[in-house]
Protein backbone atom coordinates (compact mmCIF):
# COMPACT_ATOMS: atom_id res chain seq x y z
CA UNK A 1 24.34 -12.96 -10.90
CA UNK A 2 22.62 -10.36 -13.18
CA UNK A 3 19.40 -11.02 -11.27
CA UNK A 4 21.25 -10.51 -8.01
CA UNK A 5 22.57 -7.13 -9.12
CA UNK A 6 19.13 -6.21 -10.43
CA UNK A 7 17.42 -6.76 -7.08
CA UNK A 8 20.27 -5.13 -5.15
CA UNK A 9 19.77 -2.04 -7.29
CA UNK A 10 15.99 -2.18 -6.75
CA UNK A 11 16.39 -2.29 -2.98
CA UNK A 12 18.80 0.64 -3.00
CA UNK A 13 16.47 2.69 -5.18
CA UNK A 14 13.55 1.74 -2.95
CA UNK A 15 15.39 3.00 0.13
CA UNK A 16 16.14 6.24 -1.67
CA UNK A 17 12.47 6.71 -2.59
CA UNK A 18 11.35 6.14 1.00
CA UNK A 19 14.09 8.40 2.29
CA UNK A 20 13.16 11.23 -0.05
CA UNK A 21 9.39 10.95 0.41
CA UNK A 22 9.07 13.39 3.31
CA UNK A 23 11.40 15.93 1.68
CA UNK A 24 11.26 17.48 -1.80
CA UNK A 25 14.84 16.50 -2.64
CA UNK A 26 17.91 14.78 -1.22
CA UNK A 27 19.66 18.12 -0.91
CA UNK A 28 16.98 19.17 1.57
CA UNK A 29 18.22 16.58 4.07
CA UNK A 30 20.41 18.33 6.61
CA UNK A 31 22.82 16.59 8.98
CA UNK A 32 21.29 15.95 12.39
CA UNK A 33 21.92 18.72 14.90
CA UNK A 34 24.30 17.99 17.75
CA UNK A 35 22.37 18.14 21.00
CA UNK A 36 23.86 20.48 23.59
CA UNK A 37 20.91 20.56 25.96
CA UNK A 38 21.35 17.30 27.84
CA UNK A 39 18.94 15.30 25.70
CA UNK A 40 21.33 12.44 24.86
CA UNK A 41 22.33 11.33 28.33
CA UNK A 42 22.45 7.92 29.97
CA UNK A 43 19.91 8.98 32.59
CA UNK A 44 17.44 9.91 29.83
CA UNK A 45 18.03 6.74 27.79
CA UNK A 46 14.87 4.90 29.00
CA UNK A 47 12.70 7.95 28.26
CA UNK A 48 14.34 8.44 24.87
CA UNK A 49 13.80 4.77 24.00
CA UNK A 50 10.10 5.24 24.68
CA UNK A 51 9.98 8.48 22.71
CA UNK A 52 11.77 6.84 19.77
CA UNK A 53 9.35 3.90 19.87
CA UNK A 54 6.29 6.12 19.81
CA UNK A 55 7.87 8.49 17.29
CA UNK A 56 7.17 6.12 14.41
CA UNK A 57 3.52 7.09 14.57
CA UNK A 58 4.06 10.83 14.71
CA UNK A 59 3.02 13.17 11.92
CA UNK A 60 6.62 13.14 10.69
CA UNK A 61 7.03 9.37 10.81
CA UNK A 62 3.68 8.29 9.40
CA UNK A 63 4.24 9.11 5.67
CA UNK A 64 7.39 6.95 5.23
CA UNK A 65 5.76 4.22 7.34
CA UNK A 66 2.75 4.25 5.01
CA UNK A 67 4.95 4.20 1.89
CA UNK A 68 7.02 1.35 3.27
CA UNK A 69 3.90 -0.66 4.08
CA UNK A 70 2.64 -0.17 0.53
CA UNK A 71 5.99 -1.22 -0.95
CA UNK A 72 5.95 -4.33 1.23
CA UNK A 73 2.48 -5.24 0.00
CA UNK A 74 3.53 -4.86 -3.64
CA UNK A 75 6.70 -6.88 -3.03
CA UNK A 76 4.62 -9.77 -1.69
CA UNK A 77 3.22 -10.23 -5.19
CA UNK A 78 6.72 -11.11 -6.40
CA UNK A 79 7.78 -13.35 -3.52
CA UNK A 80 7.72 -16.65 -5.40
CA UNK A 81 9.21 -15.26 -8.60
CA UNK A 82 12.13 -13.64 -6.81
CA UNK A 83 12.86 -16.76 -4.78
CA UNK A 84 12.97 -18.86 -7.96
CA UNK A 85 15.43 -16.47 -9.61
CA UNK A 86 17.72 -15.57 -6.73
CA UNK A 87 17.70 -18.31 -4.09
CA UNK A 88 21.10 -20.05 -4.05
CA UNK A 89 21.98 -20.91 -0.44
CA UNK A 90 25.45 -22.19 -1.28
CA UNK A 91 26.60 -19.05 -3.08
CA UNK A 92 29.49 -17.26 -1.39
CA UNK A 93 27.86 -13.82 -1.61
CA UNK A 94 25.01 -14.65 0.72
CA UNK A 95 27.05 -16.66 3.19
CA UNK A 96 29.80 -14.03 3.44
CA UNK A 97 27.31 -11.34 4.49
CA UNK A 98 25.33 -13.52 6.87
CA UNK A 99 27.62 -12.93 9.85
CA UNK A 100 28.65 -9.40 8.89
CA UNK A 101 25.02 -8.30 8.83
CA UNK A 102 23.95 -10.41 11.81
CA UNK A 103 22.03 -8.21 14.30
CA UNK A 104 23.77 -9.91 17.23
CA UNK A 105 27.27 -8.98 16.07
CA UNK A 106 26.05 -5.53 15.02
CA UNK A 107 24.57 -5.07 18.48
CA UNK A 108 27.86 -5.95 20.14
CA UNK A 109 29.67 -3.46 17.90
CA UNK A 110 27.11 -0.71 18.56
CA UNK A 111 27.25 -1.28 22.32
CA UNK A 112 31.05 -1.22 22.25
CA UNK A 113 31.06 2.00 20.26
CA UNK A 114 28.60 3.55 22.70
CA UNK A 115 30.67 2.65 25.76
CA UNK A 116 33.90 3.86 24.15
CA UNK A 117 32.29 7.15 23.10
CA UNK A 118 31.41 7.96 26.72
CA UNK A 119 35.13 8.59 27.25
CA UNK A 120 35.42 10.84 24.18
CA UNK A 121 35.23 14.63 24.25
CA UNK A 122 33.91 14.78 20.68
CA UNK A 123 30.23 15.70 20.96
CA UNK A 124 29.43 14.45 17.46
CA UNK A 125 30.83 11.00 18.19
CA UNK A 126 28.83 10.82 21.41
CA UNK A 127 25.61 11.86 19.63
CA UNK A 128 26.05 9.33 16.82
CA UNK A 129 26.84 6.46 19.16
CA UNK A 130 23.86 7.35 21.36
CA UNK A 131 21.45 7.37 18.41
CA UNK A 132 22.89 4.12 17.01
CA UNK A 133 22.30 2.33 20.31
CA UNK A 134 18.87 3.89 20.76
CA UNK A 135 17.78 2.99 17.23
CA UNK A 136 19.21 -0.53 17.46
CA UNK A 137 17.18 -1.29 20.60
CA UNK A 138 13.95 0.21 19.24
CA UNK A 139 14.31 -1.67 15.96
CA UNK A 140 15.07 -4.93 17.77
CA UNK A 141 11.87 -4.53 19.79
CA UNK A 142 9.68 -3.88 16.77
CA UNK A 143 11.30 -6.59 14.66
CA UNK A 144 11.01 -9.24 17.38
CA UNK A 145 7.39 -8.35 18.11
CA UNK A 146 6.39 -8.48 14.44
CA UNK A 147 8.13 -11.80 13.89
CA UNK A 148 6.07 -13.46 16.60
CA UNK A 149 2.83 -11.67 15.72
CA UNK A 150 2.95 -12.39 11.97
CA UNK A 151 4.41 -15.90 12.47
CA UNK A 152 5.34 -16.33 8.82
CA UNK A 153 7.20 -19.40 7.60
CA UNK A 154 10.59 -18.87 5.98
CA UNK A 155 10.94 -19.93 2.33
CA UNK A 156 13.32 -22.72 3.39
CA UNK A 157 10.83 -23.93 6.01
CA UNK A 158 13.35 -23.65 8.88
CA UNK A 159 11.03 -21.73 11.25
CA UNK A 160 8.05 -19.34 11.46
CA UNK A 161 9.73 -15.98 12.17
CA UNK A 162 10.38 -14.82 8.63
CA UNK A 163 8.68 -11.40 8.62
CA UNK A 164 10.29 -8.95 8.78
CA UNK A 165 13.92 -9.69 8.01
CA UNK A 166 15.97 -8.83 11.09
CA UNK A 167 19.17 -8.51 9.06
CA UNK A 168 17.48 -6.02 6.73
CA UNK A 169 15.75 -3.95 9.40
CA UNK A 170 18.92 -3.73 11.47
CA UNK A 171 21.14 -2.81 8.50
CA UNK A 172 18.76 -0.08 7.33
CA UNK A 173 18.30 1.25 10.85
CA UNK A 174 22.04 1.80 11.30
CA UNK A 175 22.44 3.13 7.75
CA UNK A 176 19.67 5.68 8.33
CA UNK A 177 21.25 6.95 11.55
CA UNK A 178 24.53 7.42 9.67
CA UNK A 179 22.79 9.23 6.82
CA UNK A 180 20.85 11.50 9.17
CA UNK A 181 24.00 12.57 10.98
CA UNK A 182 26.43 12.85 8.07
CA UNK A 183 24.23 13.39 5.00
CA UNK A 184 24.10 11.50 1.72
CA UNK A 185 27.87 11.30 1.19
CA UNK A 186 27.92 8.80 4.03
CA UNK A 187 24.36 7.62 3.45
CA UNK A 188 24.91 6.25 -0.06
CA UNK A 189 27.60 3.70 0.91
CA UNK A 190 25.68 2.88 4.09
CA UNK A 191 22.47 2.17 2.18
CA UNK A 192 24.42 0.25 -0.47
CA UNK A 193 25.81 -2.07 2.18
CA UNK A 194 22.38 -2.41 3.80
CA UNK A 195 20.91 -3.35 0.41
CA UNK A 196 23.61 -5.98 -0.09
CA UNK A 197 22.76 -7.49 3.31
CA UNK A 198 19.07 -7.57 2.36
CA UNK A 199 19.76 -9.25 -0.99
CA UNK A 200 21.99 -11.81 0.72
CA UNK A 201 18.99 -12.96 2.75
CA UNK A 202 17.11 -13.63 -0.48
CA UNK A 203 20.01 -15.58 -1.90
CA UNK A 204 20.34 -17.64 1.28
CA UNK A 205 16.63 -18.47 0.89
CA UNK A 206 16.02 -17.26 4.43
CA UNK A 207 13.48 -14.59 3.50
CA UNK A 208 10.87 -13.63 0.97
CA UNK A 209 11.19 -10.38 -0.95
CA UNK A 210 8.42 -8.79 1.12
CA UNK A 211 10.34 -9.75 4.29
CA UNK A 212 13.41 -7.74 3.30
CA UNK A 213 11.43 -4.81 1.88
CA UNK A 214 9.37 -4.68 5.06
CA UNK A 215 12.53 -4.89 7.15
CA UNK A 216 14.21 -2.13 5.15
CA UNK A 217 11.16 0.13 5.53
CA UNK A 218 10.94 -0.53 9.26
CA UNK A 219 14.64 0.12 9.74
CA UNK A 220 14.50 3.38 7.83
CA UNK A 221 11.53 4.70 9.80
CA UNK A 222 13.06 3.68 13.14
CA UNK A 223 16.43 5.29 12.41
CA UNK A 224 14.80 8.45 11.12
CA UNK A 225 12.44 8.69 14.09
CA UNK A 226 15.14 8.16 16.73
CA UNK A 227 17.50 10.80 15.35
CA UNK A 228 14.68 13.32 15.02
CA UNK A 229 13.31 12.74 18.52
CA UNK A 230 16.72 12.75 20.20
CA UNK A 231 17.62 16.00 18.47
CA UNK A 232 14.60 17.91 19.74
CA UNK A 233 15.32 20.49 22.46
CA UNK A 234 14.16 19.72 25.96
CA UNK A 235 10.97 21.40 27.08
CA UNK A 236 12.01 24.25 29.37
CA UNK A 237 10.96 23.79 32.98
CA UNK A 238 8.71 26.61 34.11
CA UNK A 239 10.40 28.82 36.69
CA UNK A 240 8.46 30.22 39.65
CA UNK A 241 6.81 33.56 38.95
CA UNK A 242 6.60 36.03 41.85
CA UNK A 243 4.39 39.09 41.71
CA UNK A 244 3.99 41.83 44.31
CA UNK A 245 0.98 44.15 44.05
CA UNK A 246 0.49 47.10 46.40
CA UNK A 247 -2.98 47.52 47.87
CA UNK A 248 -3.79 51.09 48.82
CA UNK A 249 -7.13 52.15 50.33
CA UNK A 250 -8.51 54.82 52.65
CA UNK A 251 -7.63 52.76 55.70
CA UNK A 252 -5.49 50.05 54.08
CA UNK A 253 -1.84 49.83 53.20
CA UNK A 254 -0.70 46.35 52.19
CA UNK A 255 1.19 44.24 49.73
CA UNK A 256 -0.27 41.26 47.87
CA UNK A 257 2.32 38.53 47.24
CA UNK A 258 1.59 35.68 44.82
CA UNK A 259 3.82 32.86 43.62
CA UNK A 260 2.95 30.71 40.61
CA UNK A 261 4.79 27.58 39.41
């Protein structure tokens, strides 16, 4: 159990390091702005999903993505050692969090929250639910693609879709959206729970350490990217410009009319 607490603490501290990398301090993180310009609408959901997917590779998203990749590489050096110390599939801690942190059940909850929020007048609730759904879908896409591209065998040998951990990436995605909207007072318990879910996957012997670190990094970057992109103001549509210029000559009296779009 001491080893379990040790690695839970390490994951939480790792998430904090990644989260603070782009900013000089935690106090610099401001709650996400509430969009009032029609950005977070159902009609714009497909476009926002694409923007959130591409946003990982923006100038803002690249530094934490690079840090997370490095942390994953370092964690791979400890894969066997951590499995030998923590793996205990029958322990109640891991099994109790397996369903709670399951991406399928989380997805049902997120979708339900999103639908219910459409009937709410509270703009903050609508913004949070929109970003949770958006981030969940983007993370699911990346996680599924990586699992089949990397094709890594699980430590228990059950299949070949070990990397990255879907439980970890999903938990950290949702935790990051919460932290971006409500700040660190909500972010700390959210990241603590996400870390517990990640550690439970190690104890269940379903993932290597590098699987859960990679999943946590992916989830953080996805959640951060989606909230940032969805909070950007819409590009203003150019309005037609009309200009009238008088033309006066010895034998000419006229007006020049031009319209630009």
